[in-house]
N, C-alpha and C. Protein backbone atom coordinates (compact mmCIF):
# COMPACT_ATOMS: atom_id res chain seq x y z
N MET A 1 29.08 -1.50 -7.43
CA MET A 1 28.66 -1.24 -5.72
C MET A 1 28.79 0.46 -5.84
N LYS A 2 28.09 0.78 -4.64
CA LYS A 2 28.65 2.42 -4.01
C LYS A 2 28.98 2.13 -2.35
N ILE A 3 29.81 3.59 -2.10
CA ILE A 3 30.57 3.33 -0.82
C ILE A 3 29.91 4.92 0.13
N PHE A 4 29.60 4.36 0.93
CA PHE A 4 28.07 5.81 1.39
C PHE A 4 29.34 5.95 3.04
N VAL A 5 29.09 7.03 4.10
CA VAL A 5 29.34 6.80 5.17
C VAL A 5 29.38 8.03 5.69
N TYR A 6 28.44 6.88 7.09
CA TYR A 6 27.39 7.77 8.17
C TYR A 6 28.79 8.49 8.89
N LYS A 7 28.06 9.29 9.94
CA LYS A 7 29.36 9.72 10.62
C LYS A 7 27.86 10.26 11.80
N ILE A 8 27.84 9.11 13.30
CA ILE A 8 26.59 9.05 14.18
C ILE A 8 27.08 9.42 15.31
N ILE A 9 25.77 10.10 16.27
CA ILE A 9 26.42 10.49 17.43
C ILE A 9 24.95 9.41 17.84
N THR A 10 26.01 8.91 19.45
CA THR A 10 25.05 7.85 20.15
C THR A 10 24.96 9.25 21.49
N LYS A 11 23.82 8.61 22.12
CA LYS A 11 24.14 9.88 23.24
C LYS A 11 22.81 9.38 24.83
N LEU A 12 22.92 9.83 26.42
CA LEU A 12 22.54 9.41 26.66
C LEU A 12 21.13 10.31 26.69
N LYS A 13 19.57 10.22 26.77
CA LYS A 13 18.41 10.23 26.82
C LYS A 13 18.80 12.16 27.85
N GLU A 14 18.14 13.44 27.88
CA GLU A 14 18.04 13.60 28.77
C GLU A 14 17.62 13.61 30.32
N GLU A 15 16.71 12.47 30.40
CA GLU A 15 16.71 12.22 31.33
C GLU A 15 17.98 12.07 32.43
N ILE A 16 18.52 10.99 32.03
CA ILE A 16 19.61 9.81 32.11
C ILE A 16 20.34 10.77 33.25
N LYS A 17 20.75 10.39 34.07
CA LYS A 17 21.69 10.70 34.75
C LYS A 17 22.88 10.52 33.85
N ASN A 18 23.92 11.11 33.94
CA ASN A 18 25.88 11.11 33.12
C ASN A 18 26.91 11.68 34.55
N PRO A 19 26.67 10.59 34.30
CA PRO A 19 28.10 11.14 35.35
C PRO A 19 29.54 11.17 35.42
N GLN A 20 29.74 11.00 33.35
CA GLN A 20 31.28 11.18 32.36
C GLN A 20 30.66 13.57 32.16
N GLY A 21 29.42 13.66 31.84
CA GLY A 21 28.73 15.19 31.24
C GLY A 21 28.96 15.78 32.93
N GLU A 22 28.45 15.07 34.06
CA GLU A 22 28.78 15.61 35.19
C GLU A 22 29.59 15.87 35.91
N VAL A 23 31.07 15.07 35.59
CA VAL A 23 32.92 15.53 35.98
C VAL A 23 33.39 16.40 34.91
N VAL A 24 32.85 16.80 33.73
CA VAL A 24 33.07 17.86 33.24
C VAL A 24 32.17 19.51 34.26
N GLU A 25 31.52 19.01 33.56
CA GLU A 25 30.55 20.22 34.74
C GLU A 25 31.34 20.29 36.21
N ASN A 26 31.61 20.11 37.02
CA ASN A 26 32.08 20.41 37.81
C ASN A 26 33.52 20.37 37.95
N ILE A 27 34.10 20.52 36.91
CA ILE A 27 35.42 20.91 37.20
C ILE A 27 35.67 21.73 36.24
N ALA A 28 34.96 22.31 35.18
CA ALA A 28 34.64 23.64 34.25
C ALA A 28 34.14 24.56 35.50
N ARG A 29 33.61 25.04 36.90
CA ARG A 29 33.04 24.82 38.21
C ARG A 29 34.42 25.08 38.47
N ARG A 30 34.56 24.52 39.21
CA ARG A 30 36.06 24.82 40.03
C ARG A 30 37.17 25.16 39.08
N LEU A 31 37.11 25.03 38.00
CA LEU A 31 37.95 25.75 37.31
C LEU A 31 38.39 27.29 36.47
N LEU A 32 36.79 27.76 37.29
CA LEU A 32 35.60 29.19 37.07
C LEU A 32 36.02 29.22 35.56
N ILE A 33 36.02 28.51 34.85
CA ILE A 33 35.40 28.43 33.38
C ILE A 33 33.73 29.03 33.09
N SER A 34 32.97 28.19 33.53
CA SER A 34 32.14 28.11 33.82
C SER A 34 31.37 27.63 34.84
N SER A 35 30.02 28.24 35.16
CA SER A 35 29.55 27.84 36.68
C SER A 35 28.53 27.54 35.60
N ASN A 36 28.09 28.00 35.03
CA ASN A 36 26.09 27.40 33.52
C ASN A 36 26.80 27.30 32.74
N LEU A 37 26.33 25.67 32.92
CA LEU A 37 27.00 24.23 31.52
C LEU A 37 25.88 23.08 31.84
N LYS A 38 25.34 22.16 30.49
CA LYS A 38 25.36 21.51 31.02
C LYS A 38 25.50 20.10 30.32
N VAL A 39 26.46 19.08 30.11
CA VAL A 39 27.29 18.75 29.33
C VAL A 39 26.31 16.89 29.32
N ASN A 40 26.47 16.57 28.40
CA ASN A 40 25.83 15.36 27.81
C ASN A 40 26.91 14.81 26.93
N THR A 41 27.91 13.90 27.37
CA THR A 41 28.43 12.81 26.92
C THR A 41 28.25 11.54 25.68
N GLY A 42 28.86 11.12 24.55
CA GLY A 42 28.03 10.14 23.95
C GLY A 42 28.97 9.74 23.05
N LYS A 43 28.94 9.41 22.01
CA LYS A 43 30.04 8.06 21.79
C LYS A 43 29.94 8.32 20.05
N PHE A 44 30.12 8.99 18.96
CA PHE A 44 31.13 8.72 17.98
C PHE A 44 31.18 7.68 17.07
N TYR A 45 30.41 7.10 15.69
CA TYR A 45 30.59 6.42 15.29
C TYR A 45 30.57 6.36 13.79
N GLU A 46 31.89 6.37 13.42
CA GLU A 46 32.11 6.48 11.48
C GLU A 46 32.04 5.18 10.81
N ILE A 47 30.54 4.90 10.21
CA ILE A 47 30.41 3.32 9.26
C ILE A 47 30.56 3.63 7.29
N LYS A 48 30.77 2.80 7.18
CA LYS A 48 31.11 2.48 5.75
C LYS A 48 30.53 1.55 5.53
N ILE A 49 29.43 2.06 4.28
CA ILE A 49 28.00 0.51 3.30
C ILE A 49 28.39 0.58 2.23
N PHE A 50 28.84 -1.08 2.30
CA PHE A 50 28.65 -0.72 0.45
C PHE A 50 27.32 -1.22 -0.23
N ASP A 51 26.85 -0.17 -0.65
CA ASP A 51 25.43 -0.69 -1.16
C ASP A 51 24.87 -0.56 -2.71
N GLU A 52 24.47 -0.95 -3.34
CA GLU A 52 23.61 -0.51 -4.76
C GLU A 52 23.51 1.24 -4.35
N ASN A 53 22.62 1.44 -3.00
CA ASN A 53 21.59 2.86 -3.30
C ASN A 53 21.67 3.45 -2.11
N LYS A 54 21.55 4.96 -1.64
CA LYS A 54 21.35 5.75 -0.52
C LYS A 54 19.98 5.05 -0.31
N PHE A 55 19.33 5.48 0.10
CA PHE A 55 17.91 4.72 0.43
C PHE A 55 18.38 2.77 1.32
N GLU A 56 18.97 2.19 0.50
CA GLU A 56 19.28 1.05 0.86
C GLU A 56 19.79 1.08 2.30
N ALA A 57 21.24 1.79 2.06
CA ALA A 57 22.02 1.91 2.89
C ALA A 57 21.68 2.07 3.91
N ASP A 58 20.42 3.47 3.75
CA ASP A 58 20.15 4.55 4.78
C ASP A 58 19.25 3.71 6.23
N LYS A 59 17.84 2.10 5.29
CA LYS A 59 17.58 1.40 6.09
C LYS A 59 18.91 0.67 6.45
N LYS A 60 19.65 0.35 6.67
CA LYS A 60 20.30 -0.44 6.92
C LYS A 60 21.29 0.54 8.12
N ILE A 61 21.72 1.63 8.09
CA ILE A 61 22.46 2.57 9.46
C ILE A 61 21.58 2.76 10.10
N LYS A 62 20.21 2.72 9.57
CA LYS A 62 18.97 3.60 11.18
C LYS A 62 18.79 1.52 11.63
N ARG A 63 18.96 0.68 11.01
CA ARG A 63 18.53 -0.68 11.58
C ARG A 63 20.07 -1.09 12.54
N ILE A 64 20.95 -0.68 12.21
CA ILE A 64 22.27 -0.70 13.32
C ILE A 64 22.52 0.59 13.65
N SER A 65 21.52 1.66 14.10
CA SER A 65 22.27 2.25 15.26
C SER A 65 20.95 2.57 15.70
N LYS A 66 19.69 1.65 15.70
CA LYS A 66 18.74 1.56 16.88
C LYS A 66 18.63 -0.26 17.61
N GLU A 67 19.58 -1.08 16.82
CA GLU A 67 19.49 -2.00 17.09
C GLU A 67 21.41 -2.65 18.15
N ILE A 68 21.63 -1.69 17.39
CA ILE A 68 23.51 -2.20 17.95
C ILE A 68 23.73 -1.68 17.97
N LEU A 69 23.98 -0.42 18.23
CA LEU A 69 24.93 1.38 18.32
C LEU A 69 24.57 1.58 19.67
N THR A 70 22.75 1.37 20.13
CA THR A 70 22.45 1.99 20.94
C THR A 70 21.39 0.90 22.40
N ASN A 71 20.95 1.67 22.82
CA ASN A 71 20.22 0.64 23.68
C ASN A 71 18.67 1.95 23.92
N PRO A 72 18.07 1.83 23.47
CA PRO A 72 16.68 2.55 22.94
C PRO A 72 16.00 2.84 24.76
N LEU A 73 15.92 2.50 25.62
CA LEU A 73 15.52 2.81 26.57
C LEU A 73 16.00 3.91 27.24
N VAL A 74 17.85 4.29 26.44
CA VAL A 74 18.40 5.53 27.87
C VAL A 74 18.86 6.41 26.85
N GLU A 75 19.44 5.51 25.62
CA GLU A 75 20.30 6.06 25.26
C GLU A 75 18.96 6.68 23.63
N THR A 76 19.68 7.31 22.57
CA THR A 76 19.41 8.40 21.37
C THR A 76 20.83 8.74 20.02
N PHE A 77 20.31 8.68 18.97
CA PHE A 77 21.22 8.88 18.22
C PHE A 77 21.36 9.27 17.16
N GLU A 78 22.18 10.03 16.64
CA GLU A 78 21.28 10.76 15.29
C GLU A 78 22.53 10.61 14.01
N ILE A 79 21.84 10.80 13.02
CA ILE A 79 22.95 11.13 12.14
C ILE A 79 23.94 12.00 11.18
N VAL A 80 24.73 12.44 11.73
CA VAL A 80 25.02 14.09 11.60
C VAL A 80 25.75 14.26 10.26
N SER A 81 26.22 13.18 10.04
CA SER A 81 26.50 13.39 8.17
C SER A 81 26.48 11.56 6.94
N VAL A 82 26.43 11.94 6.20
CA VAL A 82 26.61 10.98 5.63
C VAL A 82 26.33 11.86 4.15
N LYS A 83 27.59 10.70 3.29
CA LYS A 83 28.61 11.28 1.65
C LYS A 83 28.63 9.42 1.48
N GLU A 84 28.85 10.05 -0.09
CA GLU A 84 29.08 8.64 -0.82
C GLU A 84 30.79 9.01 -1.49
N VAL A 85 31.70 8.46 -0.90
CA VAL A 85 32.64 8.63 -1.94
C VAL A 85 32.64 7.34 -2.97
């Protein structure tokens, strides 16, 4: 059995209003840090999957990301890294 560690980011789609991101944008403007920025907040997940091979682990992590971690109507996910340990 092998261990695969996936790092996944979920975030709201660009067209969806992001109140948390807007707060960061407004504070940066008020503090005169930057008046020209767009912030999109999200969540970070690190998931370890114990499987025989990477192909099967990839299928499982994609299903987890689509069906559990995100609401596909308003969110996207990106697998930013995977490593075998």
